[in-house]
Amino acid sequence: YARIIRTRPVASQYDFKARISEMTDMHKQVKEALKEMVKRGRELGPLFAPAQEEINARLLSMASDLGTIHAAHARSHAALEAATARGESLDHLSKGLRAELDATSASEARLKQRSAEEGVRADAAEASLASCEEQLRTMTALAEEREQQRDAQEAAAAGAARRA
C-alpha cells in the first residue's frame, strides 16, 4: 500500500489526458487498496474483540493484584518501621543496662576488695584475739598459782603464829 501511495505520475505536465488517465488509474488503485484495508479491518475486528476483552480482564486482574501488593507492601513497610523503632529502643535500653552493669561490676569489684581487706583484718584480729586469750589463760593460771602460794604462805604464817 505504501508503494501505491508513493507512486508519482510520470506523464509530462502538458500531456493532460495521459496525466488524467494515469491519475485515475492511481486513484482506482488507492481506492481498491483502501477497500481491501477496510475489509480486512472488518474481518479482524471480531477476532480482536475476544482477545481485547481477555487482555482487559488480565489488566484489571493485574491492577487488582498490584493494589493488593501495594497494600501488603505498605503493611510490611509499617511493620519494618515499627520493628526498627523497637530495635532502636531496645538498643538504647541495652546500652543503659550495659552502663548500669559496668557500674555494678565496678562496685562489686570494690566491695570484693573491701571484703578481702576486711577478711585480712578479721584474720589478724582473730590471731590477736587468740594471742590475747592465750595470754589471759597464762596470766589466769599464774594468778591462781600465786594466789595458792599466798594462801599457802598465809596458812604457814598463821600456823607459825599459833605455834609461837
Protein backbone atom coordinates (compact mmCIF):
# COMPACT_ATOMS: atom_id res chain seq x y z
CA TYR A 1 0.00 0.00 0.00
CA ALA A 2 2.82 2.35 0.75
CA ARG A 3 4.21 1.68 -2.71
CA ILE A 4 0.89 2.81 -4.27
CA ILE A 5 0.79 5.97 -2.18
CA ARG A 6 4.38 6.86 -3.13
CA THR A 7 3.68 6.42 -6.86
CA ARG A 8 4.21 9.64 -8.78
CA PRO A 9 2.68 10.48 -12.12
CA VAL A 10 5.18 10.11 -14.94
CA ALA A 11 3.37 11.96 -17.74
CA SER A 12 4.74 15.34 -18.73
CA GLN A 13 2.93 18.36 -17.41
CA TYR A 14 1.36 19.21 -20.81
CA ASP A 15 0.02 15.76 -21.56
CA PHE A 16 -3.23 16.26 -19.63
CA LYS A 17 -5.20 13.33 -20.98
CA ALA A 18 -2.40 10.90 -20.23
CA ARG A 19 -1.94 12.50 -16.88
CA ILE A 20 -5.64 12.36 -16.01
CA SER A 21 -5.76 8.77 -17.15
CA GLU A 22 -2.73 7.92 -15.04
CA MET A 23 -4.18 9.76 -12.02
CA THR A 24 -7.47 7.94 -12.45
CA ASP A 25 -5.64 4.60 -12.51
CA MET A 26 -3.67 5.60 -9.48
CA HIS A 27 -6.89 6.74 -7.75
CA LYS A 28 -8.52 3.39 -8.53
CA GLN A 29 -5.53 1.51 -7.08
CA VAL A 30 -5.59 3.62 -3.92
CA LYS A 31 -9.37 3.16 -3.65
CA GLU A 32 -9.00 -0.62 -4.09
CA ALA A 33 -6.23 -0.73 -1.51
CA LEU A 34 -8.37 1.29 0.91
CA LYS A 35 -11.35 -1.04 0.33
CA GLU A 36 -9.07 -4.02 1.00
CA MET A 37 -7.83 -2.43 4.23
CA VAL A 38 -11.39 -1.71 5.39
CA LYS A 39 -12.42 -5.25 4.53
CA ARG A 40 -9.50 -6.72 6.47
CA GLY A 41 -10.26 -4.40 9.39
CA ARG A 42 -13.84 -5.63 9.47
CA GLU A 43 -12.71 -9.24 9.28
CA LEU A 44 -10.15 -8.79 12.03
CA GLY A 45 -12.45 -6.75 14.33
CA PRO A 46 -14.41 -9.76 15.61
CA LEU A 47 -11.16 -11.68 16.05
CA PHE A 48 -9.61 -8.92 18.14
CA ALA A 49 -12.65 -8.35 20.38
CA PRO A 50 -12.25 -11.54 22.47
CA ALA A 51 -8.50 -11.02 22.66
CA GLN A 52 -9.08 -7.41 23.69
CA GLU A 53 -11.57 -8.50 26.37
CA GLU A 54 -9.12 -11.12 27.66
CA ILE A 55 -6.32 -8.55 27.73
CA ASN A 56 -8.59 -6.05 29.51
CA ALA A 57 -9.59 -8.72 32.06
CA ARG A 58 -5.94 -9.60 32.64
CA LEU A 59 -5.04 -5.92 33.04
CA LEU A 60 -7.86 -5.45 35.56
CA SER A 61 -6.72 -8.54 37.43
CA MET A 62 -3.14 -7.28 37.42
CA ALA A 63 -4.31 -3.87 38.65
CA SER A 64 -6.21 -5.58 41.48
CA ASP A 65 -3.17 -7.71 42.30
CA LEU A 66 -1.00 -4.62 42.18
CA GLY A 67 -3.32 -2.89 44.64
CA THR A 68 -3.10 -5.90 46.96
CA ILE A 69 0.67 -5.94 46.61
CA HIS A 70 0.87 -2.21 47.35
CA ALA A 71 -1.27 -2.69 50.46
CA ALA A 72 0.89 -5.61 51.60
CA HIS A 73 3.99 -3.55 50.91
CA ALA A 74 2.60 -0.68 52.96
CA ARG A 75 1.81 -3.05 55.84
CA SER A 76 5.27 -4.63 55.60
CA HIS A 77 6.89 -1.21 55.49
CA ALA A 78 4.93 -0.08 58.56
CA ALA A 79 5.88 -3.30 60.37
CA LEU A 80 9.51 -2.78 59.39
CA GLU A 81 9.45 0.79 60.69
CA ALA A 82 7.85 -0.39 63.95
CA ALA A 83 10.44 -3.16 64.29
CA THR A 84 13.23 -0.70 63.55
CA ALA A 85 11.90 1.72 66.16
CA ARG A 86 11.55 -1.15 68.66
CA GLY A 87 15.09 -2.28 67.84
CA GLU A 88 16.43 1.22 68.39
CA SER A 89 14.53 1.42 71.67
CA LEU A 90 15.92 -1.93 72.77
CA ASP A 91 19.39 -0.86 71.67
CA HIS A 92 19.10 2.29 73.79
CA LEU A 93 17.81 0.24 76.72
CA SER A 94 20.61 -2.28 76.21
CA LYS A 95 23.21 0.49 76.30
CA GLY A 96 21.69 1.84 79.51
CA LEU A 97 21.67 -1.62 81.06
CA ARG A 98 25.24 -2.20 79.89
CA ALA A 99 26.34 1.03 81.60
CA GLU A 100 24.46 0.04 84.76
CA LEU A 101 26.05 -3.43 84.61
CA ASP A 102 29.50 -1.89 84.23
CA ALA A 103 28.86 0.39 87.22
CA THR A 104 27.56 -2.57 89.25
CA SER A 105 30.57 -4.67 88.25
CA ALA A 106 32.92 -1.89 89.33
CA SER A 107 31.02 -1.57 92.63
CA GLU A 108 31.17 -5.35 93.08
CA ALA A 109 34.93 -5.30 92.48
CA ARG A 110 35.35 -2.56 95.10
CA LEU A 111 33.18 -4.50 97.56
CA LYS A 112 35.16 -7.70 96.93
CA GLN A 113 38.38 -5.80 97.55
CA ARG A 114 36.98 -4.32 100.76
CA SER A 115 35.71 -7.77 101.75
CA ALA A 116 39.16 -9.23 101.17
CA GLU A 117 40.73 -6.40 103.20
CA GLU A 118 38.18 -6.92 105.99
CA GLY A 119 38.91 -10.66 105.81
CA VAL A 120 42.61 -9.98 106.30
CA ARG A 121 41.82 -7.61 109.18
CA ALA A 122 39.43 -10.17 110.69
CA ASP A 123 42.10 -12.88 110.42
CA ALA A 124 44.62 -10.54 112.07
CA ALA A 125 42.06 -9.66 114.77
CA GLU A 126 41.30 -13.36 115.37
CA ALA A 127 45.01 -14.11 115.62
CA SER A 128 45.43 -11.20 118.01
CA LEU A 129 42.38 -12.36 119.99
CA ALA A 130 43.76 -15.90 120.14
CA SER A 131 47.08 -14.49 121.36
CA CYS A 132 45.29 -12.36 123.97
CA GLU A 133 43.21 -15.34 125.12
CA GLU A 134 46.40 -17.39 125.44
CA GLN A 135 48.00 -14.60 127.45
CA LEU A 136 44.82 -14.35 129.57
CA ARG A 137 44.87 -18.10 130.26
CA THR A 138 48.55 -17.92 131.10
CA MET A 139 48.00 -14.90 133.39
CA THR A 140 44.94 -16.50 134.98
CA ALA A 141 46.91 -19.69 135.66
CA LEU A 142 49.79 -17.62 137.02
CA ALA A 143 47.39 -15.57 139.18
CA GLU A 144 45.76 -18.73 140.53
CA GLU A 145 49.19 -20.21 141.25
CA ARG A 146 50.27 -17.06 143.07
CA GLU A 147 47.00 -16.94 144.97
CA GLN A 148 47.58 -20.55 146.03
CA GLN A 149 51.13 -19.65 147.04
CA ARG A 150 49.87 -16.64 149.02
CA ASP A 151 47.18 -18.77 150.66
CA ALA A 152 49.86 -21.35 151.49
CA GLN A 153 52.13 -18.61 152.91
CA GLU A 154 49.28 -17.12 154.92
CA ALA A 155 48.38 -20.56 156.25
CA ALA A 156 52.05 -21.17 157.11
CA ALA A 157 52.32 -17.75 158.77
CA ALA A 158 49.09 -18.37 160.71
CA GLY A 159 50.40 -21.80 161.78
CA ALA A 160 53.74 -20.26 162.83
CA ALA A 161 51.90 -17.52 164.69
CA ARG A 162 49.89 -20.12 166.55
CA ARG A 163 52.90 -22.01 167.45
CA ALA A 164 54.64 -19.08 168.75
